[in-house]
Amino acid sequence: MLIDKPIGRLTNFYLLGSIEPDRPAQSLVVPFRHMATLFELNSAEWAELGNALQVAKSFLDPFRPSGWTIGWNVGAIAGQEVFHAHLHVVARFAEEPTAGRGIHALFRTP
């Protein structure tokens, strides 16, 4: 579940934070312009994406993460469930059960 009030706004993106109790330290970077995948970003949006990541990092820094997982799913076969492009920014911690394992470990179910 995500905070319904944006935690940040830029010209081309807004950012949402998580209120999930099992994974509170995450954010989504979402373009204002509708597109199904990030491959549809235009040059201005690509140029601003780095700034959006910095806003997400600033929001998550108070959690004092040990590392980061950043990624997106493109297409249903890749796990995309919401067909409006968005980038996941997840703070990772040394003490979490999935520490040292990549993005798949965050979302796999036993």
Protein backbone atom coordinates (compact mmCIF):
# COMPACT_ATOMS: atom_id res chain seq x y z
CA MET A 1 0.00 0.00 0.00
CA LEU A 2 1.26 3.47 -0.84
CA ILE A 3 0.80 6.86 0.75
CA ASP A 4 -1.88 8.57 -1.33
CA LYS A 5 -0.27 12.00 -0.93
CA PRO A 6 2.88 12.43 -3.03
CA ILE A 7 6.14 12.69 -1.08
CA GLY A 8 7.70 14.67 -3.92
CA ARG A 9 6.90 16.35 -7.22
CA LEU A 10 9.04 17.33 -10.15
CA THR A 11 8.04 18.57 -13.58
CA ASN A 12 7.51 15.09 -15.05
CA PHE A 13 7.23 12.79 -12.01
CA TYR A 14 5.62 12.42 -8.63
CA LEU A 15 6.80 10.08 -5.88
CA LEU A 16 4.82 7.92 -3.49
CA GLY A 17 6.04 6.37 -0.26
CA SER A 18 5.02 3.06 1.28
CA ILE A 19 2.95 2.46 4.38
CA GLU A 20 3.29 -1.34 4.22
CA PRO A 21 4.28 -2.60 7.66
CA ASP A 22 6.47 -5.40 6.24
CA ARG A 23 8.27 -3.09 3.80
CA PRO A 24 7.93 0.54 4.92
CA ALA A 25 11.12 1.84 3.32
CA GLN A 26 10.20 2.01 -0.34
CA SER A 27 9.04 4.55 -2.86
CA LEU A 28 7.61 4.63 -6.36
CA VAL A 29 8.67 7.13 -9.00
CA VAL A 30 5.68 7.67 -11.30
CA PRO A 31 5.52 9.81 -14.47
CA PHE A 32 2.60 12.22 -14.69
CA ARG A 33 2.19 11.40 -18.38
CA HIS A 34 0.49 8.07 -18.93
CA MET A 35 2.61 5.38 -20.52
CA ALA A 36 2.54 1.63 -20.08
CA THR A 37 6.32 1.23 -19.77
CA LEU A 38 9.38 3.31 -19.03
CA PHE A 39 10.61 2.61 -22.56
CA GLU A 40 8.11 5.31 -23.58
CA LEU A 41 9.83 8.08 -21.59
CA ASN A 42 10.83 11.05 -23.71
CA SER A 43 14.23 12.72 -23.48
CA ALA A 44 13.09 15.34 -20.94
CA GLU A 45 11.67 12.62 -18.70
CA TRP A 46 14.85 10.53 -18.93
CA ALA A 47 16.88 13.63 -18.07
CA GLU A 48 14.77 14.26 -14.95
CA LEU A 49 14.68 10.64 -13.76
CA GLY A 50 17.99 11.00 -11.91
CA ASN A 51 16.57 13.92 -9.93
CA ALA A 52 13.50 11.84 -9.09
CA LEU A 53 15.75 9.07 -7.76
CA GLN A 54 17.50 11.60 -5.53
CA VAL A 55 14.12 12.71 -4.12
CA ALA A 56 13.26 9.06 -3.39
CA LYS A 57 16.66 8.54 -1.74
CA SER A 58 16.21 11.64 0.43
CA PHE A 59 12.82 10.33 1.57
CA LEU A 60 14.29 6.91 2.41
CA ASP A 61 17.63 8.02 3.92
CA PRO A 62 16.17 8.47 7.44
CA PHE A 63 15.59 4.68 7.51
CA ARG A 64 19.41 4.33 7.31
CA PRO A 65 19.50 1.61 4.63
CA SER A 66 22.51 -0.61 4.01
CA GLY A 67 21.80 -0.82 0.26
CA TRP A 68 19.23 -0.24 -2.46
CA THR A 69 17.15 -2.23 -4.93
CA ILE A 70 15.89 -0.15 -7.85
CA GLY A 71 13.88 -1.62 -10.69
CA TRP A 72 10.80 -1.85 -12.83
CA ASN A 73 8.74 -4.61 -14.38
CA VAL A 74 7.85 -4.17 -18.04
CA GLY A 75 5.00 -6.31 -19.35
CA ALA A 76 2.77 -8.88 -17.68
CA ILE A 77 5.25 -11.71 -18.24
CA ALA A 78 7.82 -9.71 -16.24
CA GLY A 79 5.42 -9.16 -13.36
CA GLN A 80 3.98 -5.75 -14.25
CA GLU A 81 0.54 -5.52 -12.66
CA VAL A 82 -0.14 -1.79 -12.96
CA PHE A 83 0.14 -0.68 -16.58
CA HIS A 84 1.21 2.86 -15.84
CA ALA A 85 5.00 3.03 -15.77
CA HIS A 86 6.58 3.29 -12.32
CA LEU A 87 10.02 2.71 -10.85
CA HIS A 88 10.45 0.88 -7.52
CA VAL A 89 13.06 2.29 -5.12
CA VAL A 90 13.48 -0.06 -2.15
CA ALA A 91 15.79 0.55 0.81
CA ARG A 92 17.55 -2.67 1.88
CA PHE A 93 18.94 -3.61 5.28
CA ALA A 94 21.69 -5.94 6.48
CA GLU A 95 19.38 -7.49 9.08
CA GLU A 96 16.51 -8.35 6.71
CA PRO A 97 15.90 -12.03 5.82
CA THR A 98 16.60 -11.36 2.12
CA ALA A 99 19.87 -9.45 2.71
CA GLY A 100 22.49 -10.20 0.10
CA ARG A 101 19.94 -11.46 -2.40
CA GLY A 102 18.67 -9.46 -5.36
CA ILE A 103 15.35 -8.02 -6.40
CA HIS A 104 13.70 -11.41 -6.96
CA ALA A 105 14.08 -12.28 -3.29
CA LEU A 106 11.91 -9.29 -2.38
CA PHE A 107 8.91 -10.46 -4.34
CA ARG A 108 9.08 -14.25 -4.49
CA THR A 109 6.52 -16.16 -2.52
CA PRO A 110 7.36 -19.58 -1.07
